Amino acid sequence: MPRAIPRLFSRAPLCCELRMTRRQTRDNSKGNMNRCFYSCGECRRMVFDDWEGIRDGNPLCGCGEISRGQVELGCSYVFRCARGKCDYRVEDEEDEEDEEDEEDEEDD
C-alpha cells in the first residue's frame, strides 16, 4: 500500500472568508500530476497541500511563514508563501548567479 503524502494543512484554509475546497491535479505539463491542493471558489486562488519544495533554508515569506520553492514559467526558480496567506514571490538569487556564471564561461 502506498504511503500517504503528508499534508501541509490540518484544516482547509480560508480565502475570501470561505473555506477552500480540496482537489487533486490531473496530468499536466508542469509535473504536478496527482498533487492535492486547495482552491477558492470565489477568486480561483490555489495552494498545494503538500511539502513539495519546502526545505530548511528557504526564506520566510512576508507573513513570517515558510516558503515553497518552485519552478515557474518564464523564471528559473521562485519562492512563494507555502500557505498562500500573502503574495510573497521572490526569484532565487543563487539560480540567477549560476546562470550568469554559465554565460561567462560560454563567453570564454
C-alpha atoms as a PDB file:
ATOM      1  CA  MET A   1       0.000   0.000   0.000  1.00  0.00           C
ATOM      2  CA  PRO A   2       1.479   3.401  -0.972  1.00  0.00           C
ATOM      3  CA  ARG A   3       2.369   5.807   1.805  1.00  0.00           C
ATOM      4  CA  ALA A   4       0.143   8.823   2.271  1.00  0.00           C
ATOM      5  CA  ILE A   5       1.695  12.152   1.316  1.00  0.00           C
ATOM      6  CA  PRO A   6       1.999  14.390   4.398  1.00  0.00           C
ATOM      7  CA  ARG A   7      -0.478  17.255   4.299  1.00  0.00           C
ATOM      8  CA  LEU A   8       0.555  20.857   4.887  1.00  0.00           C
ATOM      9  CA  PHE A   9      -2.857  21.861   6.263  1.00  0.00           C
ATOM     10  CA  SER A  10      -4.735  20.157   9.084  1.00  0.00           C
ATOM     11  CA  ARG A  11      -7.887  22.054   8.064  1.00  0.00           C
ATOM     12  CA  ALA A  12      -8.996  23.710   4.827  1.00  0.00           C
ATOM     13  CA  PRO A  13      -7.569  27.248   4.688  1.00  0.00           C
ATOM     14  CA  LEU A  14      -9.724  30.348   4.396  1.00  0.00           C
ATOM     15  CA  CYS A  15      -9.861  32.557   1.309  1.00  0.00           C
ATOM     16  CA  CYS A  16     -12.452  35.265   0.563  1.00  0.00           C
ATOM     17  CA  GLU A  17     -13.883  34.495   4.042  1.00  0.00           C
ATOM     18  CA  LEU A  18     -14.787  30.930   2.965  1.00  0.00           C
ATOM     19  CA  ARG A  19     -13.098  27.543   3.373  1.00  0.00           C
ATOM     20  CA  MET A  20     -11.205  26.486   0.270  1.00  0.00           C
ATOM     21  CA  THR A  21     -12.073  23.196  -1.491  1.00  0.00           C
ATOM     22  CA  ARG A  22      -9.532  20.358  -1.588  1.00  0.00           C
ATOM     23  CA  ARG A  23      -8.894  18.877  -5.028  1.00  0.00           C
ATOM     24  CA  GLN A  24      -6.293  16.780  -6.822  1.00  0.00           C
ATOM     25  CA  THR A  25      -4.454  17.714 -10.001  1.00  0.00           C
ATOM     26  CA  ARG A  26      -4.701  15.668 -13.147  1.00  0.00           C
ATOM     27  CA  ASP A  27      -1.881  15.016 -15.560  1.00  0.00           C
ATOM     28  CA  ASN A  28      -0.398  18.328 -16.634  1.00  0.00           C
ATOM     29  CA  SER A  29       2.664  19.724 -18.367  1.00  0.00           C
ATOM     30  CA  LYS A  30       4.025  21.257 -15.151  1.00  0.00           C
ATOM     31  CA  GLY A  31       4.844  17.946 -13.460  1.00  0.00           C
ATOM     32  CA  ASN A  32       2.185  18.307 -10.762  1.00  0.00           C
ATOM     33  CA  MET A  33       0.236  15.129 -11.503  1.00  0.00           C
ATOM     34  CA  ASN A  34      -1.840  13.831  -8.570  1.00  0.00           C
ATOM     35  CA  ARG A  35      -0.863  16.656  -6.191  1.00  0.00           C
ATOM     36  CA  CYS A  36      -3.541  17.718  -3.715  1.00  0.00           C
ATOM     37  CA  PHE A  37      -4.352  21.402  -3.481  1.00  0.00           C
ATOM     38  CA  TYR A  38      -6.975  23.794  -2.169  1.00  0.00           C
ATOM     39  CA  SER A  39      -8.782  26.242  -4.421  1.00  0.00           C
ATOM     40  CA  CYS A  40     -11.052  29.183  -3.712  1.00  0.00           C
ATOM     41  CA  GLY A  41     -14.432  29.123  -5.438  1.00  0.00           C
ATOM     42  CA  GLU A  42     -14.604  32.927  -5.397  1.00  0.00           C
ATOM     43  CA  CYS A  43     -11.218  34.144  -6.675  1.00  0.00           C
ATOM     44  CA  ARG A  44      -9.683  30.885  -8.024  1.00  0.00           C
ATOM     45  CA  ARG A  45      -6.594  31.252  -5.815  1.00  0.00           C
ATOM     46  CA  MET A  46      -4.936  27.908  -5.111  1.00  0.00           C
ATOM     47  CA  VAL A  47      -2.352  26.471  -2.736  1.00  0.00           C
ATOM     48  CA  PHE A  48      -0.792  22.993  -2.690  1.00  0.00           C
ATOM     49  CA  ASP A  49      -1.471  20.758   0.322  1.00  0.00           C
ATOM     50  CA  ASP A  50       1.897  19.004   0.467  1.00  0.00           C
ATOM     51  CA  TRP A  51       5.512  19.668   1.440  1.00  0.00           C
ATOM     52  CA  GLU A  52       6.929  19.694  -2.102  1.00  0.00           C
ATOM     53  CA  GLY A  53       9.578  22.444  -2.381  1.00  0.00           C
ATOM     54  CA  ILE A  54       9.510  23.288   1.333  1.00  0.00           C
ATOM     55  CA  ARG A  55      13.034  22.971   2.725  1.00  0.00           C
ATOM     56  CA  ASP A  56      15.133  24.158   5.637  1.00  0.00           C
ATOM     57  CA  GLY A  57      16.877  27.295   4.461  1.00  0.00           C
ATOM     58  CA  ASN A  58      14.003  28.592   2.328  1.00  0.00           C
ATOM     59  CA  PRO A  59      13.365  32.268   3.108  1.00  0.00           C
ATOM     60  CA  LEU A  60      10.435  33.260   5.298  1.00  0.00           C
ATOM     61  CA  CYS A  61       7.596  34.875   3.382  1.00  0.00           C
ATOM     62  CA  GLY A  62       6.010  38.258   4.041  1.00  0.00           C
ATOM     63  CA  CYS A  63       3.764  36.887   6.796  1.00  0.00           C
ATOM     64  CA  GLY A  64       6.687  35.169   8.553  1.00  0.00           C
ATOM     65  CA  GLU A  65       5.681  31.670   7.420  1.00  0.00           C
ATOM     66  CA  ILE A  66       7.581  29.037   5.489  1.00  0.00           C
ATOM     67  CA  SER A  67       8.055  29.477   1.757  1.00  0.00           C
ATOM     68  CA  ARG A  68       7.867  26.924  -1.033  1.00  0.00           C
ATOM     69  CA  GLY A  69      10.448  26.818  -3.818  1.00  0.00           C
ATOM     70  CA  GLN A  70       9.041  26.075  -7.248  1.00  0.00           C
ATOM     71  CA  VAL A  71       9.752  26.377 -10.947  1.00  0.00           C
ATOM     72  CA  GLU A  72       7.509  28.848 -12.766  1.00  0.00           C
ATOM     73  CA  LEU A  73       7.092  29.583 -16.450  1.00  0.00           C
ATOM     74  CA  GLY A  74       9.495  32.283 -17.554  1.00  0.00           C
ATOM     75  CA  CYS A  75      11.564  32.025 -14.346  1.00  0.00           C
ATOM     76  CA  SER A  76      14.113  29.538 -13.175  1.00  0.00           C
ATOM     77  CA  TYR A  77      13.108  29.137  -9.531  1.00  0.00           C
ATOM     78  CA  VAL A  78      10.962  31.240  -7.198  1.00  0.00           C
ATOM     79  CA  PHE A  79       9.882  31.153  -3.572  1.00  0.00           C
ATOM     80  CA  ARG A  80       6.235  31.752  -2.632  1.00  0.00           C
ATOM     81  CA  CYS A  81       4.290  31.719   0.631  1.00  0.00           C
ATOM     82  CA  ALA A  82       3.686  27.983   1.150  1.00  0.00           C
ATOM     83  CA  ARG A  83       0.352  28.562   2.869  1.00  0.00           C
ATOM     84  CA  GLY A  84      -0.906  31.143   0.365  1.00  0.00           C
ATOM     85  CA  LYS A  85      -1.549  33.749   3.067  1.00  0.00           C
ATOM     86  CA  CYS A  86       0.413  36.530   1.373  1.00  0.00           C
ATOM     87  CA  ASP A  87       1.555  37.446  -2.137  1.00  0.00           C
ATOM     88  CA  TYR A  88       5.233  36.751  -1.371  1.00  0.00           C
ATOM     89  CA  ARG A  89       7.208  35.938  -4.531  1.00  0.00           C
ATOM     90  CA  VAL A  90      10.997  36.135  -4.788  1.00  0.00           C
ATOM     91  CA  GLU A  91      13.215  34.757  -7.529  1.00  0.00           C
ATOM     92  CA  ASP A  92      16.087  32.602  -6.272  1.00  0.00           C
ATOM     93  CA  GLU A  93      19.198  34.800  -6.493  1.00  0.00           C
ATOM     94  CA  GLU A  94      21.534  31.776  -6.428  1.00  0.00           C
ATOM     95  CA  ASP A  95      19.966  30.456  -9.643  1.00  0.00           C
ATOM     96  CA  GLU A  96      20.472  33.866 -11.270  1.00  0.00           C
ATOM     97  CA  GLU A  97      24.147  33.905 -10.182  1.00  0.00           C
ATOM     98  CA  ASP A  98      24.629  30.351 -11.513  1.00  0.00           C
ATOM     99  CA  GLU A  99      23.150  31.389 -14.886  1.00  0.00           C
ATOM    100  CA  GLU A 100      25.474  34.424 -15.051  1.00  0.00           C
ATOM    101  CA  ASP A 101      28.492  32.202 -14.258  1.00  0.00           C
ATOM    102  CA  GLU A 102      27.474  29.780 -17.026  1.00  0.00           C
ATOM    103  CA  GLU A 103      27.122  32.656 -19.507  1.00  0.00           C
ATOM    104  CA  ASP A 104      30.579  33.972 -18.529  1.00  0.00           C
ATOM    105  CA  GLU A 105      32.087  30.506 -19.074  1.00  0.00           C
ATOM    106  CA  GLU A 106      30.455  30.265 -22.511  1.00  0.00           C
ATOM    107  CA  ASP A 107      31.941  33.643 -23.487  1.00  0.00           C
ATOM    108  CA  ASP A 108      35.497  32.468 -22.634  1.00  0.00           C
END
